[in-house]
Amino acid sequence: YNENDIHIKNEIIRQSLNLEWIKSLEEEDKGLVRIAIDHFEKENYIEALNTFERFLSDNDFDDSDKSLCFYYMGYASYRNSDFSKSIYYLSKTKFDVEDDEKWHLRMLNLKGLAYYYFEQIDESLACFKKVMENGRRDEIYVRALLNFGSVCLQSEKANHKDEAIKIFEEIINETSFNKEKLKENLVKELKCIAHYNLAQIQNANEDFANATINYKHAIELSK
C-alpha cells in the first residue's frame, strides 16, 4: 500500500482479482438489467446505456419490463446528447395509453425534446400536442404546453408564433393549468420561462416597453 495505491505482490492473486472478473461476479449475481437500472438511478447514463445494450446483444427484455427499459434507454441517450438514438429507443416503447398513461405521456414529452434537439420541429410539436390533447392539466401537461410554446418560436410558420404568445399568456395568467396539482416552485418556474419567452418575442418586434416589463417579471420569479 503506497500513497492510496494498493499493489498485490502475489502474481496469481493479482491476476485473479482483476476488475473484469469482479464485474462478472456482480453480473452473475444481479444480472445486467438490474446493474443497468442501478447505473441509471445513480445518473450514470453512459454506463446504464452500455449495460442495457450489452444485455440486448444476446437477450430480449421481458414483455412486462420492455417498455420501461426502452424508456430508460431513451432517457439515457437523451442525457448523453445522442438524440437520434433517444428517438429510436423511445419509439420502441409500447406503454398502454390507459394503464400506463403517465409513462406514455412522459415518453411523448421526452421524445418531443429529442426531436427538437434533432432539429425536427414538426415532429417535436406533434409529440407535445398529443400530451396537451390529453388535458390532464397537471405537471406533465403544463411542461408539454411550455415546451410546445418554446418550440413554436423556432418554427417558420406564422401561426405557430401566435400560438406561442397565447400559451405564454395563459401560463402567466394561470388559466392553462390546475394550480392545485402543481408545486409552488414549479408554477414560478413555468411563469418565469413564459415571461422570458414573451419578452423575447416583444423584443424582436421592437416592443421594448412590454419586453422590459416581462424581463423584470422573469427575474423576480427566477431562482
Protein backbone atom coordinates (compact mmCIF):
# COMPACT_ATOMS: atom_id res chain seq x y z
CA TYR A 1 0.00 0.00 0.00
CA ASN A 2 1.62 3.27 -1.11
CA GLU A 3 0.01 6.71 -1.44
CA ASN A 4 -3.56 5.37 -1.70
CA ASP A 5 -2.46 2.74 -4.23
CA ILE A 6 -2.77 -0.98 -3.46
CA HIS A 7 -0.30 -3.36 -5.12
CA ILE A 8 -0.73 -7.12 -4.80
CA LYS A 9 2.67 -8.85 -4.76
CA ASN A 10 1.42 -12.39 -5.36
CA GLU A 11 1.00 -12.69 -9.14
CA ILE A 12 -1.69 -15.42 -9.02
CA ILE A 13 -3.85 -13.43 -6.60
CA ARG A 14 -3.21 -10.21 -8.55
CA GLN A 15 -4.44 -11.71 -11.81
CA SER A 16 -7.47 -13.34 -10.23
CA LEU A 17 -8.63 -10.06 -8.68
CA ASN A 18 -8.82 -8.05 -11.90
CA LEU A 19 -11.72 -5.64 -12.39
CA GLU A 20 -13.37 -7.61 -15.20
CA TRP A 21 -13.54 -10.72 -13.03
CA ILE A 22 -15.09 -8.78 -10.16
CA LYS A 23 -17.65 -7.27 -12.58
CA SER A 24 -18.50 -10.73 -13.91
CA LEU A 25 -19.35 -11.87 -10.36
CA GLU A 26 -21.70 -8.91 -9.94
CA GLU A 27 -23.32 -9.65 -13.30
CA GLU A 28 -23.90 -13.29 -12.32
CA ASP A 29 -25.39 -12.23 -9.01
CA LYS A 30 -27.56 -9.28 -10.09
CA GLY A 31 -27.94 -9.59 -13.85
CA LEU A 32 -27.18 -6.96 -16.48
CA VAL A 33 -30.63 -5.34 -16.43
CA ARG A 34 -30.52 -4.74 -12.67
CA ILE A 35 -26.98 -3.33 -12.96
CA ALA A 36 -28.12 -1.06 -15.82
CA ILE A 37 -31.01 0.23 -13.69
CA ASP A 38 -28.62 0.83 -10.77
CA HIS A 39 -26.42 2.93 -13.06
CA PHE A 40 -29.50 4.79 -14.29
CA GLU A 41 -30.70 5.57 -10.76
CA LYS A 42 -27.24 6.93 -9.94
CA GLU A 43 -27.47 9.12 -13.09
CA ASN A 44 -24.51 7.30 -14.66
CA TYR A 45 -26.22 7.35 -18.03
CA ILE A 46 -23.31 6.25 -20.21
CA GLU A 47 -22.76 3.06 -18.19
CA ALA A 48 -26.52 2.48 -17.95
CA LEU A 49 -26.94 2.62 -21.72
CA ASN A 50 -23.86 0.49 -22.39
CA THR A 51 -25.10 -2.17 -19.96
CA PHE A 52 -28.61 -2.23 -21.41
CA GLU A 53 -27.13 -2.60 -24.90
CA ARG A 54 -24.84 -5.41 -23.76
CA PHE A 55 -27.88 -7.25 -22.44
CA LEU A 56 -29.78 -6.75 -25.71
CA SER A 57 -26.90 -8.08 -27.78
CA ASP A 58 -27.75 -11.63 -26.60
CA ASN A 59 -31.16 -11.31 -24.95
CA ASP A 60 -34.52 -9.57 -25.04
CA PHE A 61 -36.38 -7.76 -22.28
CA ASP A 62 -39.32 -9.49 -20.58
CA ASP A 63 -42.61 -8.26 -22.04
CA SER A 64 -43.63 -6.80 -18.68
CA ASP A 65 -40.43 -4.69 -18.45
CA LYS A 66 -39.79 -3.99 -22.13
CA SER A 67 -41.37 -0.52 -22.46
CA LEU A 68 -39.87 0.76 -19.21
CA CYS A 69 -36.37 -0.45 -20.13
CA PHE A 70 -36.60 1.14 -23.58
CA TYR A 71 -37.76 4.37 -21.90
CA TYR A 72 -34.69 4.25 -19.63
CA MET A 73 -32.50 3.71 -22.69
CA GLY A 74 -34.18 6.61 -24.49
CA TYR A 75 -33.74 8.85 -21.46
CA ALA A 76 -30.10 7.84 -21.01
CA SER A 77 -29.42 8.53 -24.71
CA TYR A 78 -31.09 11.94 -24.36
CA ARG A 79 -28.94 12.80 -21.35
CA ASN A 80 -25.89 11.69 -23.35
CA SER A 81 -27.00 14.12 -26.13
CA ASP A 82 -27.48 11.25 -28.61
CA PHE A 83 -30.89 12.45 -29.78
CA SER A 84 -31.17 10.12 -32.77
CA LYS A 85 -30.67 7.09 -30.53
CA SER A 86 -33.06 8.55 -27.95
CA ILE A 87 -35.83 8.81 -30.56
CA TYR A 88 -35.08 5.24 -31.71
CA TYR A 89 -35.41 3.70 -28.24
CA LEU A 90 -38.42 5.82 -27.20
CA SER A 91 -40.18 4.70 -30.39
CA LYS A 92 -39.79 1.08 -29.24
CA THR A 93 -41.88 1.67 -26.09
CA LYS A 94 -45.44 0.42 -26.16
CA PHE A 95 -46.98 1.83 -22.98
CA ASP A 96 -50.69 1.19 -22.68
CA VAL A 97 -52.39 4.58 -23.12
CA GLU A 98 -54.80 3.84 -20.25
CA ASP A 99 -52.95 1.53 -17.84
CA ASP A 100 -49.57 3.26 -18.22
CA GLU A 101 -50.86 6.72 -19.07
CA LYS A 102 -48.25 8.70 -17.12
CA TRP A 103 -45.34 6.76 -18.62
CA HIS A 104 -46.83 7.16 -22.09
CA LEU A 105 -47.12 10.94 -21.66
CA ARG A 106 -43.61 11.22 -20.18
CA MET A 107 -42.29 9.31 -23.17
CA LEU A 108 -44.03 11.72 -25.60
CA ASN A 109 -42.68 14.74 -23.73
CA LEU A 110 -39.13 13.39 -23.82
CA LYS A 111 -39.46 12.34 -27.45
CA GLY A 112 -40.64 15.85 -28.31
CA LEU A 113 -37.50 17.31 -26.74
CA ALA A 114 -35.28 14.81 -28.55
CA TYR A 115 -36.92 15.69 -31.88
CA TYR A 116 -36.40 19.39 -31.13
CA TYR A 117 -32.67 18.99 -30.48
CA PHE A 118 -32.51 16.74 -33.55
CA GLU A 119 -33.92 19.76 -35.45
CA GLN A 120 -37.17 18.07 -36.47
CA ILE A 121 -39.55 20.82 -35.39
CA ASP A 122 -42.84 19.47 -36.78
CA GLU A 123 -42.27 16.03 -35.21
CA SER A 124 -41.39 17.71 -31.91
CA LEU A 125 -44.59 19.80 -31.89
CA ALA A 126 -46.67 16.72 -32.77
CA CYS A 127 -45.42 14.90 -29.66
CA PHE A 128 -46.19 17.81 -27.33
CA LYS A 129 -49.60 18.24 -28.99
CA LYS A 130 -50.53 14.62 -28.13
CA VAL A 131 -49.73 15.29 -24.45
CA MET A 132 -51.74 18.52 -24.49
CA GLU A 133 -54.73 16.79 -26.07
CA ASN A 134 -54.86 14.52 -23.03
CA GLY A 135 -56.00 17.54 -20.99
CA ARG A 136 -54.75 16.40 -17.58
CA ARG A 137 -53.67 19.97 -16.69
CA ASP A 138 -51.03 18.55 -14.33
CA GLU A 139 -47.21 18.85 -14.37
CA ILE A 140 -46.71 16.60 -17.41
CA TYR A 141 -49.37 18.56 -19.31
CA VAL A 142 -48.07 22.01 -18.44
CA ARG A 143 -44.46 21.11 -19.27
CA ALA A 144 -45.64 19.88 -22.68
CA LEU A 145 -47.56 23.15 -23.06
CA LEU A 146 -44.50 25.23 -22.26
CA ASN A 147 -42.28 23.08 -24.50
CA PHE A 148 -44.81 23.42 -27.33
CA GLY A 149 -44.77 27.21 -26.99
CA SER A 150 -40.97 27.35 -26.82
CA VAL A 151 -40.52 25.12 -29.89
CA CYS A 152 -43.14 27.17 -31.79
CA LEU A 153 -40.70 30.08 -31.62
CA GLN A 154 -38.25 28.06 -33.70
CA SER A 155 -40.85 27.27 -36.37
CA GLU A 156 -41.05 29.25 -39.60
CA LYS A 157 -44.85 29.03 -39.67
CA ALA A 158 -46.53 32.33 -38.72
CA ASN A 159 -49.46 30.71 -36.89
CA HIS A 160 -47.04 28.92 -34.55
CA LYS A 161 -45.77 32.22 -33.14
CA ASP A 162 -49.37 33.32 -32.45
CA GLU A 163 -49.99 30.00 -30.68
CA ALA A 164 -46.83 30.52 -28.62
CA ILE A 165 -47.92 34.00 -27.47
CA LYS A 166 -51.32 32.65 -26.43
CA ILE A 167 -49.71 29.78 -24.49
CA PHE A 168 -47.28 32.05 -22.62
CA GLU A 169 -50.04 34.49 -21.68
CA GLU A 170 -52.25 31.65 -20.40
CA ILE A 171 -49.38 30.30 -18.28
CA ILE A 172 -48.70 33.77 -16.86
CA ASN A 173 -52.42 34.23 -16.06
CA GLU A 174 -52.58 30.68 -14.60
CA THR A 175 -55.55 29.73 -16.80
CA SER A 176 -53.92 26.83 -18.65
CA PHE A 177 -53.30 24.51 -15.70
CA ASN A 178 -54.73 23.37 -12.39
CA LYS A 179 -52.60 25.20 -9.82
CA GLU A 180 -53.63 22.77 -7.06
CA LYS A 181 -51.90 19.93 -8.93
CA LEU A 182 -48.56 21.76 -9.09
CA LYS A 183 -45.94 22.74 -6.52
CA GLU A 184 -45.49 26.47 -5.95
CA ASN A 185 -41.85 26.40 -7.10
CA LEU A 186 -42.86 24.75 -10.37
CA VAL A 187 -45.54 27.39 -11.01
CA LYS A 188 -42.93 30.11 -10.51
CA GLU A 189 -40.50 28.33 -12.84
CA LEU A 190 -43.14 27.96 -15.57
CA LYS A 191 -44.24 31.59 -15.29
CA CYS A 192 -40.62 32.76 -15.28
CA ILE A 193 -39.93 30.96 -18.57
CA ALA A 194 -43.23 32.19 -20.05
CA HIS A 195 -42.41 35.83 -19.17
CA TYR A 196 -38.91 35.44 -20.62
CA ASN A 197 -40.12 33.89 -23.90
CA LEU A 198 -42.85 36.52 -24.25
CA ALA A 199 -40.24 39.23 -23.70
CA GLN A 200 -38.06 37.67 -26.40
CA ILE A 201 -40.93 37.93 -28.90
CA GLN A 202 -41.69 41.52 -27.89
CA ASN A 203 -38.02 42.46 -28.08
CA ALA A 204 -37.79 41.05 -31.62
CA ASN A 205 -40.86 43.11 -32.54
CA GLU A 206 -39.20 46.22 -31.02
CA ASP A 207 -41.93 46.44 -28.36
CA PHE A 208 -39.27 47.38 -25.83
CA ALA A 209 -41.61 48.72 -23.13
CA ASN A 210 -43.56 45.46 -22.73
CA ALA A 211 -40.41 43.38 -23.24
CA THR A 212 -38.77 45.21 -20.32
CA ILE A 213 -41.80 44.55 -18.09
CA ASN A 214 -41.75 40.82 -18.89
CA TYR A 215 -37.98 40.57 -18.41
CA LYS A 216 -38.41 42.14 -14.95
CA HIS A 217 -41.18 39.67 -14.05
CA ALA A 218 -38.97 36.80 -15.23
CA ILE A 219 -36.11 37.99 -12.99
CA GLU A 220 -38.46 38.36 -9.98
CA LEU A 221 -39.72 34.77 -10.44
CA SER A 222 -36.34 33.18 -11.21
CA LYS A 223 -34.27 31.16 -8.76
